[in-house]
Amino acid sequence: MTHSSPASNGIWIYDTTLRDGAQREGMSLSLEDKLRTARQLDDMGIPFIEGGWPGANPKDVQFFWQLKEEPLSQAEVVAFCSTRRPGRTAAEDPMLQPILSAGTRWVTVFGKSWDLHVTEGLKTSLDENLAMICDTLAYFRSQGRRVIYDAEHWFDGYKANPDYALQTLGAAIAGGAEWLVLCDTNGGTLPHEVSEIVRAVRSFVLSAGLTVADPDGMEVLPHIGIHTHNDSGTAVANAIAAVMEGARMVQGTINGYGERCGNANLCTVIPNLQLKLGYECVGDRQLEMLTDSSRLISEIVNLAPDDHAPFVGLSAFAHKGGIHVSAVQRNPLTYEHIQPEQVGNRRRIVISDQAGLSNVLAKARTFGIDLHKDDPACREILLHLKALESEGYQFEAAEASFELLMREALRQRPQFFEIKGFQVRCDMQPINLDGSSNALATIKVAVYGKDYLEAAEGNGPVSALDAALRKALVNVYPAIATFHLTDYKVRILDSGAGTSAKTRVLVESSNGHQRWTTVGVSANIIEASYRAVVEGLEYGLMRQECILPSPTHSVAISDSSVQV
């Protein structure tokens, strides 16, 4: 297939994460962020990647220049812009010149479909809007560009004035648009309406006999695409409804990023179309990259991944109830709608106070531990788990801590270091410009029988303790330099106890390639935090396959004190 001629079962995915997705509140992309994202999408086999609006800001201009110097391997990078302004020709409109300078083979032009926007927004006549659409597209075609036409507010426009909305599509076809993309810009349309209106558009295109010249000079009918927003929570369903009525391009974003409630989530659209409906979107190997790509791009844009996202979320194939776990172990089809490996995800057995022996056995296998139900350690682990959770521990969100617990019961937990004691002093007088207070921590750690005494400052007691511990250990375990805290959550478990309430702390750590979460519980928030941080370092060292000083003991904390 070519990028303009979809096969009968082929769907062309058009990613607009870098333009429409970047309009999400709180999301800001650097040039390097955009380039890394584009290359990941290219590796995924996405055919069209919308890079932004050249000329709108210097960063987008640099993005297109950079990709001209180092092109993508297979994807078409697309420049985006609006139709020319009223009262001038496209050739005279300076806004369109940066689009040509971007040097892309494809250009996406959006125009007005809704008469309300023409008269109230553009402050021009309906006839002039038709001329703007046709003239702009024809100008780009005359400059050797291929054109995708985004019919903005299409569904609202069609419902308000169907005759005029169809005239705008006729103007786009006359101007040379190879794709007509129907946009639910306000996100208020429902799937049954999308089906009816896409069916009407297909009928119009076929009956009107309006054709466009392809690159070989042959007259062909334009193809239909769909662009949906999620303001009614139906963006994915609307995209699928359009495809089932004949749309062959789906525009959306990774993880559903976008303005207001977001765009159609390609991480949900692609597997639904490919695995459930038999359409070809990307290769099977590229589909297996979906989960890693979703999480990588969430890291690039600095937004926490949605653990409960369909297909790619950490919890998408997580099983907690003992009956569910037992059934899945016998036959995954009992509680899984696809094989998680098809989208690069994995099955997870969640450990909690609802766990049975089947959960413990299944979880042990994911850790590479051969444990049998008749093993006394299995019952010991289960009883210990339930006792700790009754105290406030939560292991379903802290699998790293549970693996350490399990290995300790089996006498397989390595001892990397022993904390002999620590002290923390906090100066509560604001001395920094941002009003934060400094803390000083001293810590004594034993490694291989040798004591290390270190001190470090931090913005708060936990930060200071973490810095002091890392300072004491990094020369012995250099891998610690790659570990960093990625998330920190605190929850008060018994708020009725006031300042004496017990606290649960979850700490997520990463080495740049993997993430793991550890937990600590105590009435002392510093102690709870520090226990989670210590286990985070210990687990990271274990995963790094360091030389183990002792195979039979866990990390020990012998004494601590806090002075504020």
Protein backbone atom coordinates (compact mmCIF):
# COMPACT_ATOMS: atom_id res chain seq x y z
CA MET A 1 0.00 0.00 0.00
CA THR A 2 1.03 3.61 -0.53
CA HIS A 3 0.33 6.44 1.85
CA SER A 4 -2.63 7.54 -0.23
CA SER A 5 -4.20 4.29 -1.44
CA PRO A 6 -5.56 2.18 1.43
CA ALA A 7 -6.32 -1.47 0.75
CA SER A 8 -9.82 -2.77 1.48
CA ASN A 9 -8.86 -3.65 5.07
CA GLY A 10 -6.18 -0.99 5.55
CA ILE A 11 -6.57 1.90 7.96
CA TRP A 12 -4.20 4.86 7.81
CA ILE A 13 -3.34 6.08 11.28
CA TYR A 14 -2.66 9.81 11.50
CA ASP A 15 -1.01 10.87 14.75
CA THR A 16 -1.50 14.43 15.96
CA THR A 17 0.10 14.13 19.41
CA LEU A 18 2.68 16.78 18.53
CA ARG A 19 0.07 19.35 17.53
CA ASP A 20 -3.45 18.64 18.79
CA GLY A 21 -2.23 16.51 21.70
CA ALA A 22 0.19 19.23 22.81
CA GLN A 23 -2.80 21.53 23.43
CA ARG A 24 -3.56 19.52 26.57
CA GLU A 25 -3.53 21.70 29.68
CA GLY A 26 -0.22 21.35 31.53
CA MET A 27 1.59 19.73 28.60
CA SER A 28 4.62 21.45 27.08
CA LEU A 29 7.02 19.86 24.60
CA SER A 30 10.57 20.92 23.87
CA LEU A 31 12.08 20.48 20.42
CA GLU A 32 13.91 17.38 21.65
CA ASP A 33 10.64 16.02 23.10
CA LYS A 34 8.94 16.40 19.73
CA LEU A 35 11.79 14.75 17.84
CA ARG A 36 11.98 11.78 20.23
CA THR A 37 8.22 11.30 20.03
CA ALA A 38 8.21 11.49 16.23
CA ARG A 39 10.95 8.87 15.95
CA GLN A 40 9.10 6.53 18.32
CA LEU A 41 5.90 6.92 16.27
CA ASP A 42 7.92 6.24 13.13
CA ASP A 43 9.27 3.02 14.67
CA MET A 44 5.69 2.03 15.51
CA GLY A 45 4.78 2.17 11.83
CA ILE A 46 2.45 5.19 12.06
CA PRO A 47 2.03 6.39 8.43
CA PHE A 48 1.26 10.08 9.08
CA ILE A 49 2.73 12.23 11.87
CA GLU A 50 1.44 15.78 12.16
CA GLY A 51 4.38 17.88 13.32
CA GLY A 52 2.73 21.24 14.01
CA TRP A 53 1.98 24.55 12.34
CA PRO A 54 5.16 25.93 10.70
CA GLY A 55 5.43 29.63 11.34
CA ALA A 56 3.22 29.57 14.42
CA ASN A 57 6.32 29.38 16.65
CA PRO A 58 10.09 28.95 16.19
CA LYS A 59 10.05 25.47 17.74
CA ASP A 60 7.80 24.05 15.02
CA VAL A 61 9.96 25.62 12.32
CA GLN A 62 13.07 24.00 13.85
CA PHE A 63 11.24 20.67 14.13
CA PHE A 64 10.58 20.50 10.38
CA TRP A 65 14.09 21.68 9.54
CA GLN A 66 15.58 19.00 11.78
CA LEU A 67 13.55 16.26 10.11
CA LYS A 68 14.66 17.48 6.69
CA GLU A 69 18.26 16.96 7.85
CA GLU A 70 17.51 13.58 9.49
CA PRO A 71 14.35 12.15 7.86
CA LEU A 72 12.10 9.56 9.42
CA SER A 73 12.40 6.02 8.12
CA GLN A 74 8.86 5.47 6.80
CA ALA A 75 6.34 7.99 8.18
CA GLU A 76 5.16 11.06 6.34
CA VAL A 77 5.61 14.14 8.51
CA VAL A 78 2.73 16.54 7.85
CA ALA A 79 2.53 20.32 8.17
CA PHE A 80 -0.73 21.80 9.43
CA CYS A 81 -2.43 25.14 8.71
CA SER A 82 -5.75 26.85 8.09
CA THR A 83 -7.27 28.06 4.84
CA ARG A 84 -6.20 31.47 3.57
CA ARG A 85 -7.70 34.55 5.14
CA PRO A 86 -10.76 36.25 3.58
CA GLY A 87 -10.34 38.89 0.91
CA ARG A 88 -7.03 37.75 -0.65
CA THR A 89 -5.70 34.89 -2.75
CA ALA A 90 -3.78 32.00 -1.29
CA ALA A 91 -0.67 32.99 -3.25
CA GLU A 92 -0.81 36.44 -1.58
CA ASP A 93 -1.29 35.16 1.97
CA PRO A 94 2.07 35.27 3.81
CA MET A 95 0.73 32.79 6.42
CA LEU A 96 1.02 29.98 3.88
CA GLN A 97 4.66 30.53 2.93
CA PRO A 98 6.19 28.88 6.05
CA ILE A 99 4.08 25.81 5.26
CA LEU A 100 5.81 25.48 1.90
CA SER A 101 9.20 26.18 3.51
CA ALA A 102 8.69 23.24 5.87
CA GLY A 103 9.26 21.03 2.83
CA THR A 104 6.74 18.31 3.66
CA ARG A 105 5.16 16.28 0.89
CA TRP A 106 1.79 16.34 2.68
CA VAL A 107 -0.08 19.36 4.09
CA THR A 108 -3.22 19.25 6.21
CA VAL A 109 -5.49 22.25 5.80
CA PHE A 110 -8.47 22.85 8.05
CA GLY A 111 -11.48 24.87 7.00
CA LYS A 112 -14.89 25.84 8.30
CA SER A 113 -17.84 23.47 7.84
CA TRP A 114 -20.31 25.16 10.17
CA ASP A 115 -22.05 28.26 8.81
CA LEU A 116 -22.13 29.68 12.34
CA HIS A 117 -18.31 29.77 12.41
CA VAL A 118 -18.15 31.35 8.97
CA THR A 119 -20.42 34.25 9.80
CA GLU A 120 -19.58 34.70 13.50
CA GLY A 121 -15.94 33.57 13.60
CA LEU A 122 -14.48 34.50 10.23
CA LYS A 123 -16.92 37.40 9.72
CA THR A 124 -17.22 36.58 6.03
CA SER A 125 -19.78 35.21 3.60
CA LEU A 126 -20.60 31.57 2.99
CA ASP A 127 -19.48 31.88 -0.63
CA GLU A 128 -16.14 33.41 0.37
CA ASN A 129 -15.53 30.50 2.76
CA LEU A 130 -16.04 28.05 -0.12
CA ALA A 131 -13.57 30.05 -2.21
CA MET A 132 -11.04 30.08 0.65
CA ILE A 133 -11.18 26.28 0.90
CA CYS A 134 -10.85 25.61 -2.82
CA ASP A 135 -8.21 28.31 -3.46
CA THR A 136 -5.96 27.24 -0.55
CA LEU A 137 -5.95 23.57 -1.48
CA ALA A 138 -5.47 24.31 -5.18
CA TYR A 139 -2.52 26.56 -4.34
CA PHE A 140 -0.76 23.84 -2.36
CA ARG A 141 -1.44 21.34 -5.15
CA SER A 142 0.08 23.78 -7.66
CA GLN A 143 3.22 23.85 -5.48
CA GLY A 144 3.57 20.06 -5.65
CA ARG A 145 2.00 19.27 -2.27
CA ARG A 146 -0.55 16.57 -1.52
CA VAL A 147 -3.44 17.71 0.62
CA ILE A 148 -5.51 16.36 3.48
CA TYR A 149 -8.57 18.48 4.25
CA ASP A 150 -9.76 18.63 7.88
CA ALA A 151 -13.41 19.65 7.92
CA GLU A 152 -13.50 21.47 11.26
CA HIS A 153 -16.72 21.22 13.33
CA TRP A 154 -18.02 18.92 10.62
CA PHE A 155 -20.69 17.10 12.60
CA ASP A 156 -22.09 20.22 14.26
CA GLY A 157 -22.04 21.98 10.90
CA TYR A 158 -23.79 19.11 9.14
CA LYS A 159 -26.51 18.92 11.79
CA ALA A 160 -27.08 22.71 11.56
CA ASN A 161 -26.99 23.06 7.75
CA PRO A 162 -26.29 19.82 5.86
CA ASP A 163 -26.50 21.36 2.39
CA TYR A 164 -23.84 23.96 3.11
CA ALA A 165 -21.60 21.52 4.97
CA LEU A 166 -21.60 19.24 1.91
CA GLN A 167 -20.78 22.22 -0.30
CA THR A 168 -17.59 22.77 1.75
CA LEU A 169 -16.54 19.19 0.99
CA GLY A 170 -17.27 19.80 -2.69
CA ALA A 171 -15.00 22.86 -2.58
CA ALA A 172 -12.24 20.79 -0.95
CA ILE A 173 -12.50 18.12 -3.63
CA ALA A 174 -12.43 20.75 -6.36
CA GLY A 175 -9.26 22.15 -4.77
CA GLY A 176 -7.54 18.76 -4.90
CA ALA A 177 -8.03 17.19 -1.45
CA GLU A 178 -7.15 13.47 -1.52
CA TRP A 179 -8.55 12.97 2.00
CA LEU A 180 -11.70 14.45 3.55
CA VAL A 181 -11.36 14.18 7.34
CA LEU A 182 -14.58 14.73 9.28
CA CYS A 183 -13.81 16.42 12.61
CA ASP A 184 -15.94 16.27 15.74
CA THR A 185 -14.14 19.32 17.07
CA ASN A 186 -16.40 19.94 20.08
CA GLY A 187 -16.58 16.23 20.93
CA GLY A 188 -20.34 16.26 21.43
CA THR A 189 -21.41 13.76 18.76
CA LEU A 190 -22.49 10.22 19.68
CA PRO A 191 -21.62 7.01 17.77
CA HIS A 192 -25.03 6.52 16.14
CA GLU A 193 -24.88 10.07 14.77
CA VAL A 194 -21.35 9.52 13.47
CA SER A 195 -22.50 6.38 11.65
CA GLU A 196 -25.44 8.16 10.00
CA ILE A 197 -23.47 11.23 8.94
CA VAL A 198 -20.43 9.34 7.61
CA ARG A 199 -22.82 7.18 5.60
CA ALA A 200 -24.39 10.35 4.18
CA VAL A 201 -20.97 11.75 3.24
CA ARG A 202 -19.99 8.56 1.44
CA SER A 203 -23.26 8.67 -0.48
CA PHE A 204 -22.63 12.31 -1.41
CA VAL A 205 -19.08 11.63 -2.65
CA LEU A 206 -20.20 8.64 -4.71
CA SER A 207 -23.33 10.23 -6.17
CA ALA A 208 -21.74 13.62 -6.94
CA GLY A 209 -19.00 11.95 -8.96
CA LEU A 210 -16.44 14.50 -7.75
CA THR A 211 -12.92 13.19 -8.29
CA VAL A 212 -9.38 14.32 -7.59
CA ALA A 213 -6.16 13.63 -9.47
CA ASP A 214 -3.79 11.21 -7.72
CA PRO A 215 0.03 11.49 -8.11
CA ASP A 216 -0.14 9.40 -11.29
CA GLY A 217 -2.67 11.78 -12.84
CA MET A 218 -5.59 9.36 -12.54
CA GLU A 219 -8.95 10.69 -11.41
CA VAL A 220 -10.03 8.97 -8.18
CA LEU A 221 -12.60 9.51 -5.47
CA PRO A 222 -11.25 11.16 -2.32
CA HIS A 223 -10.96 9.01 0.80
CA ILE A 224 -12.77 9.73 4.07
CA GLY A 225 -11.11 10.14 7.47
CA ILE A 226 -12.30 10.75 11.03
CA HIS A 227 -11.01 13.05 13.81
CA THR A 228 -12.82 12.81 17.16
CA HIS A 229 -12.56 14.51 20.54
CA ASN A 230 -13.54 12.93 23.85
CA ASP A 231 -15.78 15.54 25.47
CA SER A 232 -18.65 13.02 25.62
CA GLY A 233 -16.36 10.11 26.45
CA THR A 234 -17.02 8.54 23.04
CA ALA A 235 -13.99 9.54 20.93
CA VAL A 236 -12.77 5.96 20.45
CA ALA A 237 -16.29 4.62 19.83
CA ASN A 238 -16.94 7.42 17.32
CA ALA A 239 -13.72 6.65 15.44
CA ILE A 240 -14.61 2.97 15.24
CA ALA A 241 -18.16 3.81 14.11
CA ALA A 242 -16.76 5.94 11.28
CA VAL A 243 -14.39 3.19 10.16
CA MET A 244 -17.25 0.70 10.05
CA GLU A 245 -19.07 3.13 7.72
CA GLY A 246 -16.11 3.43 5.35
CA ALA A 247 -13.64 5.92 6.85
CA ARG A 248 -10.07 4.82 6.07
CA MET A 249 -8.03 7.35 8.04
CA VAL A 250 -8.21 7.73 11.84
CA GLN A 251 -6.67 10.79 13.44
CA GLY A 252 -5.84 10.66 17.13
CA THR A 253 -3.14 10.95 19.75
CA ILE A 254 -1.06 8.62 21.89
CA ASN A 255 -2.70 8.14 25.32
CA GLY A 256 -5.58 10.35 24.17
CA TYR A 257 -3.75 13.60 24.90
CA GLY A 258 -5.51 16.74 23.76
CA GLU A 259 -7.35 19.90 24.70
CA ARG A 260 -10.18 19.73 27.26
CA CYS A 261 -11.02 15.99 27.55
CA GLY A 262 -8.56 14.86 24.91
CA ASN A 263 -8.62 13.18 21.50
CA ALA A 264 -9.29 9.65 20.33
CA ASN A 265 -6.71 7.46 22.07
CA LEU A 266 -4.69 5.64 19.40
CA CYS A 267 -3.50 3.15 22.03
CA THR A 268 -7.12 2.01 22.25
CA VAL A 269 -8.23 2.59 18.66
CA ILE A 270 -5.41 0.63 17.00
CA PRO A 271 -5.78 -2.68 18.89
CA ASN A 272 -9.57 -2.54 18.67
CA LEU A 273 -9.46 -2.07 14.91
CA GLN A 274 -6.67 -4.58 14.33
CA LEU A 275 -7.35 -7.34 16.86
CA LYS A 276 -11.15 -7.13 17.10
CA LEU A 277 -12.26 -6.01 13.65
CA GLY A 278 -9.48 -7.34 11.40
CA TYR A 279 -8.30 -4.02 9.94
CA GLU A 280 -4.61 -3.55 9.18
CA CYS A 281 -3.18 -0.54 11.03
CA VAL A 282 0.43 -1.50 11.84
CA GLY A 283 2.49 -4.68 11.66
CA ASP A 284 2.12 -7.34 14.35
CA ARG A 285 5.62 -6.63 15.67
CA GLN A 286 4.85 -2.92 15.76
CA LEU A 287 1.61 -3.60 17.62
CA GLU A 288 3.70 -5.34 20.28
CA MET A 289 5.49 -1.99 20.78
CA LEU A 290 2.25 -0.28 21.79
CA THR A 291 2.58 -0.55 25.58
CA ASP A 292 6.23 0.48 25.68
CA SER A 293 5.51 3.38 23.30
CA SER A 294 2.60 4.57 25.42
CA ARG A 295 4.74 4.60 28.55
CA LEU A 296 7.79 6.08 26.84
CA ILE A 297 5.81 8.97 25.39
CA SER A 298 4.16 9.59 28.77
CA GLU A 299 7.68 9.93 30.19
CA ILE A 300 8.76 12.25 27.36
CA VAL A 301 5.78 14.58 27.91
CA ASN A 302 6.22 14.31 31.70
CA LEU A 303 2.72 13.02 32.48
CA ALA A 304 2.06 10.03 34.71
CA PRO A 305 0.86 6.97 32.78
CA ASP A 306 -2.77 5.95 33.27
CA ASP A 307 -2.42 2.58 35.00
CA HIS A 308 -6.03 1.72 34.14
CA ALA A 309 -5.88 2.58 30.44
CA PRO A 310 -7.26 -0.17 28.17
CA PHE A 311 -4.68 -2.45 26.53
CA VAL A 312 -1.55 -0.56 27.68
CA GLY A 313 -2.22 0.29 31.34
CA LEU A 314 -0.28 -1.40 34.13
CA SER A 315 -3.58 -2.77 35.46
CA ALA A 316 -5.12 -3.67 32.09
CA PHE A 317 -4.40 -7.37 32.66
CA ALA A 318 -4.14 -7.39 36.46
CA HIS A 319 -6.01 -10.05 38.44
CA LYS A 320 -6.70 -9.67 42.15
CA GLY A 321 -9.52 -11.98 43.27
CA GLY A 322 -8.40 -15.51 44.12
CA ILE A 323 -11.08 -17.11 41.93
CA HIS A 324 -10.04 -14.96 38.98
CA VAL A 325 -6.36 -15.81 39.48
CA SER A 326 -7.06 -19.52 39.69
CA ALA A 327 -9.16 -19.42 36.52
CA VAL A 328 -6.63 -17.34 34.56
CA GLN A 329 -3.87 -19.76 35.49
CA ARG A 330 -5.91 -22.58 33.91
CA ASN A 331 -7.11 -20.63 30.87
CA PRO A 332 -6.41 -16.89 30.33
CA LEU A 333 -9.54 -16.55 28.16
CA THR A 334 -11.66 -16.78 31.29
CA TYR A 335 -10.81 -13.20 32.30
CA GLU A 336 -8.76 -11.67 29.43
CA HIS A 337 -10.24 -10.38 26.18
CA ILE A 338 -6.91 -10.61 24.30
CA GLN A 339 -3.44 -11.96 24.96
CA PRO A 340 -1.57 -9.11 26.71
CA GLU A 341 1.59 -9.89 24.73
CA GLN A 342 -0.16 -8.87 21.51
CA VAL A 343 0.09 -5.23 22.60
CA GLY A 344 3.35 -5.63 24.51
CA ASN A 345 1.71 -5.77 27.93
CA ARG A 346 1.84 -8.56 30.50
CA ARG A 347 -0.42 -10.36 32.91
CA ARG A 348 -0.08 -9.29 36.55
CA ILE A 349 -1.22 -11.13 39.63
CA VAL A 350 -2.11 -8.57 42.28
CA ILE A 351 -1.30 -9.35 45.89
CA SER A 352 -3.66 -8.01 48.56
CA ASP A 353 -5.61 -9.06 51.64
CA GLN A 354 -8.02 -10.76 49.24
CA ALA A 355 -5.25 -13.02 47.98
CA GLY A 356 -5.34 -16.78 48.21
CA LEU A 357 -2.62 -19.37 47.75
CA SER A 358 -3.16 -19.22 43.97
CA ASN A 359 -2.22 -15.51 43.98
CA VAL A 360 0.95 -16.16 45.97
CA LEU A 361 1.98 -19.07 43.72
CA ALA A 362 1.25 -17.10 40.54
CA LYS A 363 3.07 -14.04 41.83
CA ALA A 364 6.08 -16.14 42.78
CA ARG A 365 6.31 -17.39 39.19
CA THR A 366 6.44 -13.81 37.88
CA PHE A 367 9.42 -13.25 40.19
CA GLY A 368 11.14 -16.39 38.90
CA ILE A 369 10.53 -18.21 42.21
CA ASP A 370 9.56 -21.88 42.09
CA LEU A 371 7.07 -22.20 44.94
CA HIS A 372 4.62 -25.05 45.53
CA LYS A 373 1.37 -24.97 47.46
CA ASP A 374 2.64 -27.63 49.87
CA ASP A 375 5.70 -25.54 50.73
CA PRO A 376 5.36 -24.23 54.33
CA ALA A 377 6.82 -20.91 53.15
CA CYS A 378 3.77 -20.38 50.94
CA ARG A 379 1.39 -20.37 53.91
CA GLU A 380 3.86 -18.26 55.89
CA ILE A 381 3.97 -15.64 53.12
CA LEU A 382 0.18 -15.50 52.91
CA LEU A 383 -0.29 -15.10 56.67
CA HIS A 384 2.46 -12.47 56.85
CA LEU A 385 0.88 -10.60 53.94
CA LYS A 386 -2.53 -10.47 55.57
CA ALA A 387 -1.04 -9.40 58.91
CA LEU A 388 0.90 -6.55 57.32
CA GLU A 389 -2.09 -5.35 55.30
CA SER A 390 -4.17 -5.26 58.48
CA GLU A 391 -1.53 -2.84 59.81
CA GLY A 392 -1.94 -0.61 56.77
CA TYR A 393 0.50 -2.02 54.23
CA GLN A 394 -0.73 -2.24 50.64
CA PHE A 395 1.18 -4.55 48.32
CA GLU A 396 -1.05 -4.47 45.27
CA ALA A 397 0.54 -1.09 44.49
CA ALA A 398 4.00 -2.04 45.81
CA GLU A 399 5.08 -5.23 44.10
CA ALA A 400 8.76 -4.59 44.76
CA SER A 401 8.17 -4.65 48.51
CA PHE A 402 6.18 -7.86 48.15
CA GLU A 403 8.98 -9.56 46.24
CA LEU A 404 11.40 -8.59 49.01
CA LEU A 405 8.95 -9.96 51.59
CA MET A 406 8.65 -13.20 49.66
CA ARG A 407 12.39 -13.63 49.26
CA GLU A 408 12.90 -12.97 52.96
CA ALA A 409 10.48 -15.78 53.86
CA LEU A 410 12.45 -18.06 51.51
CA ARG A 411 15.80 -16.86 52.94
CA GLN A 412 16.68 -15.46 49.50
CA ARG A 413 16.71 -11.76 50.35
CA PRO A 414 20.23 -10.34 49.94
CA GLN A 415 21.76 -7.96 52.46
CA PHE A 416 23.35 -5.11 50.58
CA PHE A 417 23.82 -2.87 53.59
CA GLU A 418 22.88 -2.45 57.23
CA ILE A 419 21.76 0.88 58.62
CA LYS A 420 23.33 1.31 62.05
CA GLY A 421 21.45 4.53 62.77
CA PHE A 422 20.55 7.98 61.50
CA GLN A 423 19.66 11.41 62.80
CA VAL A 424 17.75 14.23 61.13
CA ARG A 425 17.62 17.88 62.10
CA CYS A 426 15.17 20.28 60.46
CA ASP A 427 15.49 24.05 60.53
CA MET A 428 11.92 25.26 60.43
CA GLN A 429 12.91 28.88 59.77
CA PRO A 430 12.38 29.60 56.06
CA ILE A 431 15.78 30.41 54.65
CA ASN A 432 15.17 29.81 50.95
CA LEU A 433 13.51 32.18 48.52
CA ASP A 434 10.69 29.67 47.94
CA GLY A 435 9.99 29.41 51.66
CA SER A 436 11.22 25.79 52.00
CA SER A 437 13.20 24.63 55.03
CA ASN A 438 16.54 22.84 55.07
CA ALA A 439 17.20 19.51 56.75
CA LEU A 440 20.48 17.86 57.69
CA ALA A 441 20.78 14.08 57.95
CA THR A 442 23.66 11.98 59.26
CA ILE A 443 23.67 8.25 58.68
CA LYS A 444 25.86 5.31 59.61
CA VAL A 445 25.80 2.33 57.24
CA ALA A 446 27.70 -0.95 57.27
CA VAL A 447 28.66 -2.63 53.99
CA TYR A 448 30.83 -5.76 53.89
CA GLY A 449 31.57 -5.21 57.58
CA LYS A 450 32.88 -1.69 57.01
CA ASP A 451 31.12 1.32 58.51
CA TYR A 452 30.41 4.47 56.52
CA LEU A 453 29.34 7.72 58.19
CA GLU A 454 27.96 10.42 55.92
CA ALA A 455 25.94 13.62 56.16
CA ALA A 456 23.86 15.44 53.58
CA GLU A 457 21.40 18.30 53.30
CA GLY A 458 18.04 18.18 51.61
CA ASN A 459 14.79 20.04 51.13
CA GLY A 460 13.05 18.26 53.99
CA PRO A 461 13.98 15.29 56.18
CA VAL A 462 13.28 12.48 53.72
CA SER A 463 15.25 14.23 50.97
CA ALA A 464 18.19 14.68 53.34
CA LEU A 465 18.10 11.05 54.50
CA ASP A 466 17.90 9.81 50.92
CA ALA A 467 20.85 11.97 49.91
CA ALA A 468 22.94 10.82 52.88
CA LEU A 469 22.21 7.15 52.22
CA ARG A 470 23.07 7.43 48.53
CA LYS A 471 26.26 9.30 49.40
CA ALA A 472 27.27 6.47 51.75
CA LEU A 473 26.54 3.69 49.27
CA VAL A 474 27.31 4.99 45.78
CA ASN A 475 31.04 4.22 45.90
CA VAL A 476 30.29 0.60 46.79
CA TYR A 477 27.27 0.28 44.50
CA PRO A 478 27.74 2.69 41.53
CA ALA A 479 24.39 1.60 40.05
CA ILE A 480 22.66 3.72 42.69
CA ALA A 481 23.69 6.81 40.71
CA THR A 482 21.17 5.77 38.02
CA PHE A 483 18.26 5.40 40.46
CA HIS A 484 15.86 8.29 40.88
CA LEU A 485 12.53 8.90 42.57
CA THR A 486 9.67 9.22 40.08
CA ASP A 487 6.65 9.41 42.40
CA TYR A 488 5.90 9.83 46.11
CA LYS A 489 2.45 9.31 47.62
CA VAL A 490 1.37 9.75 51.24
CA ARG A 491 -1.93 8.57 52.68
CA ILE A 492 -3.27 9.01 56.21
CA LEU A 493 -4.86 5.69 57.18
CA ASP A 494 -6.79 6.63 60.32
CA SER A 495 -7.58 10.32 60.08
CA GLY A 496 -9.60 10.20 63.30
CA ALA A 497 -6.35 9.79 65.23
CA GLY A 498 -5.26 13.31 64.30
CA THR A 499 -1.52 13.92 64.43
CA SER A 500 -0.99 10.40 65.79
CA ALA A 501 -2.49 8.84 62.67
CA LYS A 502 -0.71 6.03 60.89
CA THR A 503 0.76 6.93 57.50
CA ARG A 504 1.32 4.82 54.39
CA VAL A 505 3.96 5.99 51.92
CA LEU A 506 4.39 4.66 48.39
CA VAL A 507 7.65 5.46 46.62
CA GLU A 508 8.12 4.79 42.91
CA SER A 509 11.72 4.52 41.70
CA SER A 510 13.29 4.09 38.28
CA ASN A 511 16.67 3.32 36.75
CA GLY A 512 15.65 4.84 33.41
CA HIS A 513 14.47 1.50 32.03
CA GLN A 514 12.30 -0.04 34.75
CA ARG A 515 9.95 1.28 37.42
CA TRP A 516 9.25 -0.29 40.80
CA THR A 517 7.22 0.71 43.84
CA THR A 518 7.90 0.13 47.53
CA VAL A 519 5.83 0.82 50.64
CA GLY A 520 6.39 1.90 54.22
CA VAL A 521 3.90 2.26 57.09
CA SER A 522 4.35 3.98 60.43
CA ALA A 523 2.82 6.53 62.76
CA ASN A 524 6.01 8.52 62.03
CA ILE A 525 5.82 9.84 58.48
CA ILE A 526 9.62 10.12 58.25
CA GLU A 527 10.07 6.49 59.26
CA ALA A 528 7.37 5.33 56.82
CA SER A 529 8.96 7.35 54.02
CA TYR A 530 12.44 6.16 54.78
CA ARG A 531 11.50 2.49 54.94
CA ALA A 532 9.98 2.84 51.47
CA VAL A 533 13.07 4.66 50.16
CA VAL A 534 15.44 2.04 51.66
CA GLU A 535 13.50 -0.83 50.08
CA GLY A 536 13.48 1.06 46.79
CA LEU A 537 17.29 1.19 46.77
CA GLU A 538 17.55 -2.42 47.88
CA TYR A 539 15.18 -3.66 45.19
CA GLY A 540 16.97 -1.62 42.51
CA LEU A 541 20.28 -3.16 43.50
CA MET A 542 18.75 -6.62 43.40
CA ARG A 543 17.38 -6.01 39.91
CA GLN A 544 20.79 -4.75 38.78
CA GLU A 545 22.19 -8.21 39.63
CA CYS A 546 24.95 -6.80 41.79
CA ILE A 547 27.37 -9.04 43.67
CA LEU A 548 25.43 -10.01 46.76
CA PRO A 549 27.27 -9.62 50.08
CA SER A 550 25.02 -12.16 51.87
CA PRO A 551 22.28 -14.38 50.46
CA THR A 552 20.40 -14.94 53.67
CA HIS A 553 19.63 -11.64 55.41
CA SER A 554 17.58 -8.57 54.68
CA VAL A 555 18.44 -4.93 55.13
CA ALA A 556 18.54 -4.09 58.83
CA ILE A 557 17.73 -0.79 60.48
CA SER A 558 19.06 -0.93 64.01
CA ASP A 559 18.51 2.56 65.39
CA SER A 560 17.14 5.88 64.31
CA SER A 561 16.23 9.21 65.78
CA VAL A 562 14.59 12.34 64.49
CA GLN A 563 15.20 15.76 66.00
CA VAL A 564 13.22 18.74 64.73
